[in-house]
Amino acid sequence: MKQGKEEFKIVKDPENVEQRNYIFQKNKKTTAAFYFVAIVLIALIAAIAVTAFTL
């Protein structure tokens, strides 16, 4: 069984309504969630680095 070629996009462009395959939408909620997760990951990496140097 053959499967057709799929075009997979990471961010959905709000002006392009025909685009169907995407992970993230380009809106305020997705942007805020991305920055929140990035800040938490940076804080965790910093905490691990600080504990590695103090022990």
PDB file of N, CA and C in Angstrom:
ATOM      1  N   MET A   1       0.851  -1.173   0.000  1.00  0.00           N
ATOM      2  CA  MET A   1       0.000   0.000   0.000  1.00  0.00           C
ATOM      3  C   MET A   1       0.899   1.239   0.000  1.00  0.00           C
ATOM      4  N   LYS A   2       0.683   2.131  -0.945  1.00  0.00           N
ATOM      5  CA  LYS A   2       1.477   3.345  -1.034  1.00  0.00           C
ATOM      6  C   LYS A   2       0.720   4.501  -0.392  1.00  0.00           C
ATOM      7  N   GLN A   3       1.512   5.361   0.229  1.00  0.00           N
ATOM      8  CA  GLN A   3       0.926   6.534   0.854  1.00  0.00           C
ATOM      9  C   GLN A   3       1.409   7.759   0.098  1.00  0.00           C
ATOM     10  N   GLY A   4       0.522   8.706  -0.104  1.00  0.00           N
ATOM     11  CA  GLY A   4       0.875   9.916  -0.831  1.00  0.00           C
ATOM     12  C   GLY A   4       1.806  10.801  -0.035  1.00  0.00           C
ATOM     13  N   LYS A   5       2.457  11.733  -0.731  1.00  0.00           N
ATOM     14  CA  LYS A   5       3.377  12.662  -0.090  1.00  0.00           C
ATOM     15  C   LYS A   5       2.584  13.681   0.729  1.00  0.00           C
ATOM     16  N   GLU A   6       3.035  13.887   1.966  1.00  0.00           N
ATOM     17  CA  GLU A   6       2.369  14.845   2.837  1.00  0.00           C
ATOM     18  C   GLU A   6       3.275  16.040   3.076  1.00  0.00           C
ATOM     19  N   GLU A   7       2.697  17.214   3.054  1.00  0.00           N
ATOM     20  CA  GLU A   7       3.433  18.415   3.401  1.00  0.00           C
ATOM     21  C   GLU A   7       3.079  18.757   4.835  1.00  0.00           C
ATOM     22  N   PHE A   8       4.081  18.702   5.700  1.00  0.00           N
ATOM     23  CA  PHE A   8       3.852  18.899   7.129  1.00  0.00           C
ATOM     24  C   PHE A   8       4.423  20.238   7.544  1.00  0.00           C
ATOM     25  N   LYS A   9       3.597  21.116   8.061  1.00  0.00           N
ATOM     26  CA  LYS A   9       4.018  22.446   8.482  1.00  0.00           C
ATOM     27  C   LYS A   9       4.066  22.506  10.007  1.00  0.00           C
ATOM     28  N   ILE A  10       4.969  23.321  10.544  1.00  0.00           N
ATOM     29  CA  ILE A  10       5.101  23.474  11.992  1.00  0.00           C
ATOM     30  C   ILE A  10       4.106  24.506  12.518  1.00  0.00           C
ATOM     31  N   VAL A  11       4.020  25.650  11.856  1.00  0.00           N
ATOM     32  CA  VAL A  11       3.151  26.738  12.323  1.00  0.00           C
ATOM     33  C   VAL A  11       2.075  27.000  11.292  1.00  0.00           C
ATOM     34  N   LYS A  12       0.825  27.081  11.745  1.00  0.00           N
ATOM     35  CA  LYS A  12      -0.296  27.372  10.850  1.00  0.00           C
ATOM     36  C   LYS A  12      -0.374  28.875  10.619  1.00  0.00           C
ATOM     37  N   ASP A  13      -0.407  29.251   9.372  1.00  0.00           N
ATOM     38  CA  ASP A  13      -0.544  30.646   9.003  1.00  0.00           C
ATOM     39  C   ASP A  13      -2.031  30.999   9.011  1.00  0.00           C
ATOM     40  N   PRO A  14      -2.449  32.009   9.788  1.00  0.00           N
ATOM     41  CA  PRO A  14      -3.885  32.317   9.876  1.00  0.00           C
ATOM     42  C   PRO A  14      -4.495  32.783   8.552  1.00  0.00           C
ATOM     43  N   GLU A  15      -3.693  33.317   7.626  1.00  0.00           N
ATOM     44  CA  GLU A  15      -4.238  33.780   6.355  1.00  0.00           C
ATOM     45  C   GLU A  15      -4.478  32.623   5.391  1.00  0.00           C
ATOM     46  N   ASN A  16      -3.784  31.498   5.571  1.00  0.00           N
ATOM     47  CA  ASN A  16      -3.906  30.364   4.668  1.00  0.00           C
ATOM     48  C   ASN A  16      -4.903  29.370   5.260  1.00  0.00           C
ATOM     49  N   VAL A  17      -6.145  29.410   4.808  1.00  0.00           N
ATOM     50  CA  VAL A  17      -7.181  28.545   5.364  1.00  0.00           C
ATOM     51  C   VAL A  17      -7.142  27.141   4.769  1.00  0.00           C
ATOM     52  N   GLU A  18      -6.424  26.943   3.649  1.00  0.00           N
ATOM     53  CA  GLU A  18      -6.354  25.629   3.026  1.00  0.00           C
ATOM     54  C   GLU A  18      -5.326  24.718   3.675  1.00  0.00           C
ATOM     55  N   GLN A  19      -4.429  25.270   4.461  1.00  0.00           N
ATOM     56  CA  GLN A  19      -3.378  24.481   5.100  1.00  0.00           C
ATOM     57  C   GLN A  19      -3.983  23.630   6.215  1.00  0.00           C
ATOM     58  N   ARG A  20      -3.723  22.316   6.206  1.00  0.00           N
ATOM     59  CA  ARG A  20      -4.354  21.423   7.164  1.00  0.00           C
ATOM     60  C   ARG A  20      -3.362  20.757   8.105  1.00  0.00           C
ATOM     61  N   ASN A  21      -2.163  20.454   7.655  1.00  0.00           N
ATOM     62  CA  ASN A  21      -1.195  19.733   8.473  1.00  0.00           C
ATOM     63  C   ASN A  21      -0.305  20.724   9.205  1.00  0.00           C
ATOM     64  N   TYR A  22      -0.471  20.844  10.519  1.00  0.00           N
ATOM     65  CA  TYR A  22       0.322  21.776  11.300  1.00  0.00           C
ATOM     66  C   TYR A  22       0.364  21.306  12.753  1.00  0.00           C
ATOM     67  N   ILE A  23       1.348  21.810  13.490  1.00  0.00           N
ATOM     68  CA  ILE A  23       1.458  21.499  14.915  1.00  0.00           C
ATOM     69  C   ILE A  23       0.938  22.677  15.731  1.00  0.00           C
ATOM     70  N   PHE A  24       1.466  23.861  15.457  1.00  0.00           N
ATOM     71  CA  PHE A  24       1.105  25.054  16.224  1.00  0.00           C
ATOM     72  C   PHE A  24       0.287  26.015  15.384  1.00  0.00           C
ATOM     73  N   GLN A  25      -0.601  26.750  16.052  1.00  0.00           N
ATOM     74  CA  GLN A  25      -1.306  27.832  15.387  1.00  0.00           C
ATOM     75  C   GLN A  25      -0.590  29.127  15.721  1.00  0.00           C
ATOM     76  N   LYS A  26      -0.722  30.102  14.866  1.00  0.00           N
ATOM     77  CA  LYS A  26      -0.057  31.379  15.077  1.00  0.00           C
ATOM     78  C   LYS A  26      -1.037  32.321  15.765  1.00  0.00           C
ATOM     79  N   ASN A  27      -1.131  32.187  17.118  1.00  0.00           N
ATOM     80  CA  ASN A  27      -2.007  33.055  17.884  1.00  0.00           C
ATOM     81  C   ASN A  27      -1.371  33.358  19.233  1.00  0.00           C
ATOM     82  N   LYS A  28      -2.026  34.186  20.051  1.00  0.00           N
ATOM     83  CA  LYS A  28      -1.449  34.629  21.319  1.00  0.00           C
ATOM     84  C   LYS A  28      -1.304  33.485  22.319  1.00  0.00           C
ATOM     85  N   LYS A  29      -2.251  32.566  22.334  1.00  0.00           N
ATOM     86  CA  LYS A  29      -2.215  31.466  23.298  1.00  0.00           C
ATOM     87  C   LYS A  29      -1.002  30.565  23.045  1.00  0.00           C
ATOM     88  N   THR A  30      -0.758  30.229  21.806  1.00  0.00           N
ATOM     89  CA  THR A  30       0.375  29.372  21.465  1.00  0.00           C
ATOM     90  C   THR A  30       1.693  30.077  21.753  1.00  0.00           C
ATOM     91  N   THR A  31       1.788  31.363  21.434  1.00  0.00           N
ATOM     92  CA  THR A  31       2.999  32.118  21.692  1.00  0.00           C
ATOM     93  C   THR A  31       3.276  32.207  23.190  1.00  0.00           C
ATOM     94  N   ALA A  32       2.259  32.477  23.985  1.00  0.00           N
ATOM     95  CA  ALA A  32       2.427  32.564  25.435  1.00  0.00           C
ATOM     96  C   ALA A  32       2.842  31.218  26.017  1.00  0.00           C
ATOM     97  N   ALA A  33       2.249  30.145  25.541  1.00  0.00           N
ATOM     98  CA  ALA A  33       2.606  28.810  26.032  1.00  0.00           C
ATOM     99  C   ALA A  33       4.041  28.464  25.655  1.00  0.00           C
ATOM    100  N   PHE A  34       4.474  28.824  24.464  1.00  0.00           N
ATOM    101  CA  PHE A  34       5.845  28.565  24.046  1.00  0.00           C
ATOM    102  C   PHE A  34       6.834  29.287  24.956  1.00  0.00           C
ATOM    103  N   TYR A  35       6.594  30.571  25.223  1.00  0.00           N
ATOM    104  CA  TYR A  35       7.509  31.325  26.079  1.00  0.00           C
ATOM    105  C   TYR A  35       7.490  30.800  27.514  1.00  0.00           C
ATOM    106  N   PHE A  36       6.334  30.383  28.016  1.00  0.00           N
ATOM    107  CA  PHE A  36       6.256  29.823  29.361  1.00  0.00           C
ATOM    108  C   PHE A  36       7.084  28.545  29.467  1.00  0.00           C
ATOM    109  N   VAL A  37       6.933  27.655  28.507  1.00  0.00           N
ATOM    110  CA  VAL A  37       7.688  26.403  28.528  1.00  0.00           C
ATOM    111  C   VAL A  37       9.183  26.677  28.382  1.00  0.00           C
ATOM    112  N   ALA A  38       9.558  27.612  27.525  1.00  0.00           N
ATOM    113  CA  ALA A  38      10.969  27.953  27.345  1.00  0.00           C
ATOM    114  C   ALA A  38      11.573  28.508  28.630  1.00  0.00           C
ATOM    115  N   ILE A  39      10.846  29.369  29.330  1.00  0.00           N
ATOM    116  CA  ILE A  39      11.340  29.950  30.588  1.00  0.00           C
ATOM    117  C   ILE A  39      11.490  28.865  31.645  1.00  0.00           C
ATOM    118  N   VAL A  40      10.533  27.957  31.735  1.00  0.00           N
ATOM    119  CA  VAL A  40      10.617  26.872  32.715  1.00  0.00           C
ATOM    120  C   VAL A  40      11.813  25.977  32.419  1.00  0.00           C
ATOM    121  N   LEU A  41      12.034  25.651  31.158  1.00  0.00           N
ATOM    122  CA  LEU A  41      13.185  24.817  30.802  1.00  0.00           C
ATOM    123  C   LEU A  41      14.506  25.510  31.107  1.00  0.00           C
ATOM    124  N   ILE A  42      14.593  26.792  30.833  1.00  0.00           N
ATOM    125  CA  ILE A  42      15.809  27.546  31.141  1.00  0.00           C
ATOM    126  C   ILE A  42      16.036  27.587  32.645  1.00  0.00           C
ATOM    127  N   ALA A  43      14.965  27.776  33.423  1.00  0.00           N
ATOM    128  CA  ALA A  43      15.096  27.794  34.879  1.00  0.00           C
ATOM    129  C   ALA A  43      15.559  26.436  35.410  1.00  0.00           C
ATOM    130  N   LEU A  44      15.038  25.350  34.850  1.00  0.00           N
ATOM    131  CA  LEU A  44      15.462  24.013  35.280  1.00  0.00           C
ATOM    132  C   LEU A  44      16.920  23.748  34.927  1.00  0.00           C
ATOM    133  N   ILE A  45      17.338  24.142  33.747  1.00  0.00           N
ATOM    134  CA  ILE A  45      18.736  23.965  33.348  1.00  0.00           C
ATOM    135  C   ILE A  45      19.652  24.788  34.239  1.00  0.00           C
ATOM    136  N   ALA A  46      19.237  26.011  34.561  1.00  0.00           N
ATOM    137  CA  ALA A  46      20.037  26.856  35.452  1.00  0.00           C
ATOM    138  C   ALA A  46      20.117  26.247  36.847  1.00  0.00           C
ATOM    139  N   ALA A  47      19.020  25.701  37.341  1.00  0.00           N
ATOM    140  CA  ALA A  47      19.026  25.081  38.671  1.00  0.00           C
ATOM    141  C   ALA A  47      19.942  23.864  38.703  1.00  0.00           C
ATOM    142  N   ILE A  48      19.925  23.075  37.655  1.00  0.00           N
ATOM    143  CA  ILE A  48      20.823  21.911  37.589  1.00  0.00           C
ATOM    144  C   ILE A  48      22.279  22.358  37.531  1.00  0.00           C
ATOM    145  N   ALA A  49      22.567  23.408  36.774  1.00  0.00           N
ATOM    146  CA  ALA A  49      23.940  23.908  36.683  1.00  0.00           C
ATOM    147  C   ALA A  49      24.416  24.446  38.028  1.00  0.00           C
ATOM    148  N   VAL A  50      23.548  25.165  38.741  1.00  0.00           N
ATOM    149  CA  VAL A  50      23.935  25.722  40.044  1.00  0.00           C
ATOM    150  C   VAL A  50      24.189  24.606  41.047  1.00  0.00           C
ATOM    151  N   THR A  51      23.345  23.592  41.072  1.00  0.00           N
ATOM    152  CA  THR A  51      23.553  22.499  42.025  1.00  0.00           C
ATOM    153  C   THR A  51      24.774  21.668  41.650  1.00  0.00           C
ATOM    154  N   ALA A  52      25.106  21.583  40.377  1.00  0.00           N
ATOM    155  CA  ALA A  52      26.295  20.824  39.969  1.00  0.00           C
ATOM    156  C   ALA A  52      27.568  21.524  40.442  1.00  0.00           C
ATOM    157  N   PHE A  53      27.571  22.844  40.425  1.00  0.00           N
ATOM    158  CA  PHE A  53      28.765  23.581  40.844  1.00  0.00           C
ATOM    159  C   PHE A  53      28.880  23.695  42.367  1.00  0.00           C
ATOM    160  N   THR A  54      27.747  23.658  43.072  1.00  0.00           N
ATOM    161  CA  THR A  54      27.800  23.790  44.529  1.00  0.00           C
ATOM    162  C   THR A  54      28.083  22.456  45.223  1.00  0.00           C
ATOM    163  N   LEU A  55      27.798  21.353  44.579  1.00  0.00           N
ATOM    164  CA  LEU A  55      28.056  20.056  45.209  1.00  0.00           C
ATOM    165  C   LEU A  55      29.382  19.603  44.792  1.00  0.00           C
TER     166      LEU A  55
END
